Amino acid sequence: MSAILQRAWDAAPRPAELPRLGTYRRGRAAHRRLYHGGYTMLGSRRGRTLHRLAERVDRDDVPGAFVDCGVWNGGSTILMALGAEGRKLWAFDSFEGLPTPSEIDGELSFEYIGACLGSEDRLREGIAQYADADRLNIRAGWFKDTLADAAAEVGQVALLHCDGDWYESVRLTLDVFYPLVSPGGYVVIDDYGAWPGAKHATDEFRREVGDSGRLRRIDHTGRYWRKPR
């Protein structure tokens, strides 16, 4: 597929977006601004999905905060924030780039140690420009040092975004926050189709907890599912 066709495919509305084209248009416009502003590396479909699911849980009165694990420069957090006003936002990132992977993540993964280096300042800048900074809670540091300690303060979760790339990061995110996801809430996995460790962690965890909710495809790498009610 040529680059032009790929961009057109990524920008086109998905069947799930057709019933609410206003949401699609808002999500696409927000993603475009954030992508070109250097706040996100997500493709349009993945960005719009975060925005749409944030709107969905708010419309369905699913209780809980929005939790973003692996935020880079904050675009994914902002897209969720724009989908629903008033929800607390939790952003977790090392702001030191990707950690060292393990063998399960594949040989190529070791070339990406330290990649995807995000900025807490850019995250704060973007939230201040597009959303409400008072809603934002940031925990900077490696997931192993921040997620479990914050769980009690986070409380219920309505939308969980896992963008940790490697097996250990995705598995830890699910171990800590999936039990807090409210029935009817959503879990989004960014790297399911890109890195074998992320896929393995997701499939393994879902088997262990007995969650057979339909795993829906967003694009070549993104997947999401709704926690059973």
Protein backbone atom coordinates (compact mmCIF):
# COMPACT_ATOMS: atom_id res chain seq x y z
CA MET A 1 0.00 0.00 0.00
CA SER A 2 1.40 3.42 -0.97
CA ALA A 3 1.91 6.07 1.68
CA ILE A 4 -0.98 8.11 0.28
CA LEU A 5 -3.37 5.16 0.39
CA GLN A 6 -2.17 4.25 3.88
CA ARG A 7 -2.92 7.76 5.16
CA ALA A 8 -6.34 7.72 3.49
CA TRP A 9 -7.14 4.31 5.02
CA ASP A 10 -6.02 5.47 8.46
CA ALA A 11 -8.12 8.64 8.28
CA ALA A 12 -11.31 7.02 6.95
CA PRO A 13 -14.08 6.32 9.46
CA ARG A 14 -14.34 2.77 10.76
CA PRO A 15 -17.74 1.02 10.93
CA ALA A 16 -17.89 1.63 14.68
CA GLU A 17 -17.54 5.38 14.04
CA LEU A 18 -20.32 5.71 11.47
CA PRO A 19 -23.23 5.97 13.95
CA ARG A 20 -21.63 9.05 15.54
CA LEU A 21 -19.88 10.98 12.80
CA GLY A 22 -19.63 14.06 15.02
CA THR A 23 -17.41 12.10 17.38
CA TYR A 24 -15.36 10.88 14.43
CA ARG A 25 -14.84 14.41 13.13
CA ARG A 26 -13.87 15.76 16.56
CA GLY A 27 -11.47 12.89 17.15
CA ARG A 28 -9.88 13.19 13.73
CA ALA A 29 -9.40 16.95 14.07
CA ALA A 30 -7.93 16.59 17.56
CA HIS A 31 -5.55 13.85 16.45
CA ARG A 32 -4.42 15.89 13.46
CA ARG A 33 -3.56 18.89 15.67
CA LEU A 34 -1.72 16.76 18.21
CA TYR A 35 0.14 14.70 15.61
CA HIS A 36 1.39 17.72 13.69
CA GLY A 37 2.13 19.49 16.97
CA GLY A 38 4.48 16.70 18.00
CA TYR A 39 2.40 15.46 20.93
CA THR A 40 1.64 11.97 19.66
CA MET A 41 3.06 9.29 17.38
CA LEU A 42 -0.23 7.38 17.25
CA GLY A 43 -1.91 6.86 13.92
CA SER A 44 -5.30 8.47 13.35
CA ARG A 45 -7.30 5.29 14.02
CA ARG A 46 -5.63 4.62 17.35
CA GLY A 47 -5.90 8.25 18.39
CA ARG A 48 -9.56 8.49 17.42
CA THR A 49 -10.31 5.24 19.24
CA LEU A 50 -9.04 6.68 22.52
CA HIS A 51 -11.17 9.77 22.00
CA ARG A 52 -14.25 7.74 21.03
CA LEU A 53 -13.99 5.30 23.93
CA ALA A 54 -13.57 8.19 26.36
CA GLU A 55 -16.82 9.63 25.04
CA ARG A 56 -18.45 6.21 25.22
CA VAL A 57 -17.68 5.48 28.86
CA ASP A 58 -18.80 8.98 29.80
CA ARG A 59 -22.07 8.57 27.90
CA ASP A 60 -22.61 5.17 29.55
CA ASP A 61 -21.80 6.53 33.03
CA VAL A 62 -18.98 4.02 33.55
CA PRO A 63 -17.25 5.22 36.71
CA GLY A 64 -13.54 5.86 36.95
CA ALA A 65 -10.51 7.79 35.79
CA PHE A 66 -8.61 7.65 32.51
CA VAL A 67 -5.23 5.97 32.93
CA ASP A 68 -2.49 6.30 30.31
CA CYS A 69 0.60 4.11 30.72
CA GLY A 70 3.28 5.23 28.28
CA VAL A 71 2.39 8.79 27.27
CA TRP A 72 5.44 10.10 25.35
CA ASN A 73 4.58 13.82 24.87
CA GLY A 74 1.01 13.51 26.09
CA GLY A 75 -1.07 13.24 22.93
CA SER A 76 -2.84 10.05 23.98
CA THR A 77 -3.69 11.54 27.37
CA ILE A 78 -5.04 14.67 25.71
CA LEU A 79 -7.19 12.68 23.27
CA MET A 80 -8.83 10.87 26.18
CA ALA A 81 -9.26 14.14 28.06
CA LEU A 82 -11.01 15.74 25.08
CA GLY A 83 -13.44 12.83 24.91
CA ALA A 84 -14.91 13.51 28.35
CA GLU A 85 -14.70 16.59 30.51
CA GLY A 86 -14.30 16.20 34.24
CA ARG A 87 -12.60 12.80 34.37
CA LYS A 88 -9.37 12.52 36.32
CA LEU A 89 -6.33 11.80 34.16
CA TRP A 90 -3.40 9.67 35.24
CA ALA A 91 -0.25 9.71 33.11
CA PHE A 92 2.60 7.26 33.71
CA ASP A 93 5.91 7.38 31.85
CA SER A 94 9.60 7.03 32.62
CA PHE A 95 10.38 10.11 30.49
CA GLU A 96 13.68 8.29 29.96
CA GLY A 97 12.71 6.32 26.86
CA LEU A 98 11.98 2.61 26.59
CA PRO A 99 13.49 0.24 29.19
CA THR A 100 15.56 -2.82 28.40
CA PRO A 101 13.31 -5.52 26.88
CA SER A 102 13.49 -9.27 27.43
CA GLU A 103 14.00 -12.14 24.99
CA ILE A 104 10.24 -12.60 24.62
CA ASP A 105 10.04 -9.15 22.98
CA GLY A 106 12.11 -10.28 20.01
CA GLU A 107 15.67 -9.66 18.90
CA LEU A 108 14.81 -6.38 17.17
CA SER A 109 13.47 -4.88 20.41
CA PHE A 110 16.97 -4.46 21.83
CA GLU A 111 17.67 -1.82 19.20
CA TYR A 112 15.01 0.40 20.80
CA ILE A 113 16.40 0.76 24.32
CA GLY A 114 16.01 4.42 25.22
CA ALA A 115 13.80 5.15 22.20
CA CYS A 116 10.47 7.01 22.39
CA LEU A 117 11.91 9.53 24.82
CA GLY A 118 9.02 11.70 25.94
CA SER A 119 8.85 14.99 27.80
CA GLU A 120 6.88 15.73 30.95
CA ASP A 121 7.07 19.44 30.09
CA ARG A 122 5.42 18.82 26.72
CA LEU A 123 2.72 16.71 28.39
CA ARG A 124 1.93 19.55 30.80
CA GLU A 125 2.07 22.10 27.98
CA GLY A 126 -0.40 20.11 25.87
CA ILE A 127 -2.85 19.50 28.69
CA ALA A 128 -2.77 23.21 29.60
CA GLN A 129 -3.48 24.13 25.96
CA TYR A 130 -6.19 21.60 25.16
CA ALA A 131 -7.74 20.38 28.42
CA ASP A 132 -7.90 21.13 32.15
CA ALA A 133 -4.56 20.91 33.93
CA ASP A 134 -6.31 20.45 37.28
CA ARG A 135 -7.46 17.00 36.13
CA LEU A 136 -3.93 15.75 35.45
CA ASN A 137 -1.89 13.52 37.74
CA ILE A 138 1.60 12.54 36.56
CA ARG A 139 3.80 9.77 37.90
CA ALA A 140 7.26 9.94 36.35
CA GLY A 141 9.49 6.88 36.61
CA TRP A 142 9.70 3.25 35.58
CA PHE A 143 6.41 1.37 35.82
CA LYS A 144 7.83 -1.01 38.44
CA ASP A 145 8.41 1.98 40.71
CA THR A 146 5.20 3.93 40.11
CA LEU A 147 2.16 1.88 39.08
CA ALA A 148 1.47 -0.20 42.18
CA ASP A 149 2.17 2.70 44.53
CA ALA A 150 -0.39 4.87 42.73
CA ALA A 151 -3.14 2.26 42.39
CA ALA A 152 -4.96 3.05 45.63
CA GLU A 153 -5.02 6.75 44.78
CA VAL A 154 -6.19 6.12 41.21
CA GLY A 155 -9.18 4.04 42.33
CA GLN A 156 -11.70 3.02 39.70
CA VAL A 157 -10.66 3.15 36.05
CA ALA A 158 -13.02 3.69 33.11
CA LEU A 159 -10.45 3.66 30.31
CA LEU A 160 -6.97 2.12 30.44
CA HIS A 161 -4.42 2.72 27.69
CA CYS A 162 -1.39 0.38 27.69
CA ASP A 163 1.46 1.69 25.55
CA GLY A 164 4.43 0.00 27.20
CA ASP A 165 5.76 -1.88 24.14
CA TRP A 166 7.49 -4.71 26.03
CA TYR A 167 6.11 -7.80 27.75
CA GLU A 168 7.01 -6.77 31.29
CA SER A 169 5.57 -3.26 30.94
CA VAL A 170 2.27 -4.42 29.42
CA ARG A 171 1.91 -7.28 31.87
CA LEU A 172 2.57 -5.02 34.87
CA THR A 173 0.08 -2.45 33.59
CA LEU A 174 -2.62 -5.12 33.32
CA ASP A 175 -1.71 -6.73 36.65
CA VAL A 176 -2.05 -3.43 38.50
CA PHE A 177 -4.88 -1.63 36.74
CA TYR A 178 -7.14 -4.23 35.14
CA PRO A 179 -8.66 -5.14 38.54
CA LEU A 180 -9.57 -1.46 38.90
CA VAL A 181 -11.28 -1.20 35.51
CA SER A 182 -15.01 -0.83 36.05
CA PRO A 183 -17.34 -3.35 34.37
CA GLY A 184 -18.15 -1.81 31.00
CA GLY A 185 -14.83 0.04 30.91
CA TYR A 186 -12.26 -0.40 28.16
CA VAL A 187 -8.67 -1.60 27.88
CA VAL A 188 -6.62 -0.46 24.87
CA ILE A 189 -3.33 -2.16 23.92
CA ASP A 190 -1.20 -0.07 21.59
CA ASP A 191 1.51 -2.56 20.65
CA TYR A 192 -0.37 -5.86 20.32
CA GLY A 193 0.41 -6.28 16.63
CA ALA A 194 3.85 -4.65 16.70
CA TRP A 195 5.80 -6.47 19.41
CA PRO A 196 5.49 -10.16 20.33
CA GLY A 197 5.94 -9.45 24.04
CA ALA A 198 2.96 -7.10 24.14
CA LYS A 199 0.78 -9.68 22.41
CA HIS A 200 1.95 -12.47 24.69
CA ALA A 201 1.35 -10.41 27.83
CA THR A 202 -2.16 -9.49 26.69
CA ASP A 203 -3.22 -12.99 25.66
CA GLU A 204 -1.66 -14.57 28.74
CA PHE A 205 -3.32 -12.13 31.12
CA ARG A 206 -6.76 -12.45 29.54
CA ARG A 207 -6.55 -16.24 29.80
CA GLU A 208 -5.52 -16.10 33.43
CA VAL A 209 -8.35 -13.79 34.49
CA GLY A 210 -10.92 -15.47 32.24
CA ASP A 211 -11.77 -12.35 30.26
CA SER A 212 -13.07 -13.56 26.90
CA GLY A 213 -14.43 -10.19 25.79
CA ARG A 214 -14.00 -9.70 22.06
CA LEU A 215 -10.56 -8.33 21.21
CA ARG A 216 -11.24 -5.72 18.55
CA ARG A 217 -8.74 -4.63 15.91
CA ILE A 218 -8.04 -0.92 15.50
CA ASP A 219 -5.22 -1.07 12.96
CA HIS A 220 -2.14 -3.20 12.32
CA THR A 221 -1.04 -2.97 15.96
CA GLY A 222 -3.79 -1.50 18.17
CA ARG A 223 -6.42 -3.67 19.89
CA TYR A 224 -9.05 -3.03 22.55
CA TRP A 225 -11.75 -4.82 24.50
CA ARG A 226 -14.53 -4.00 26.89
CA LYS A 227 -14.44 -5.49 30.38
CA PRO A 228 -17.54 -7.66 30.88
CA ARG A 229 -20.29 -6.15 32.97
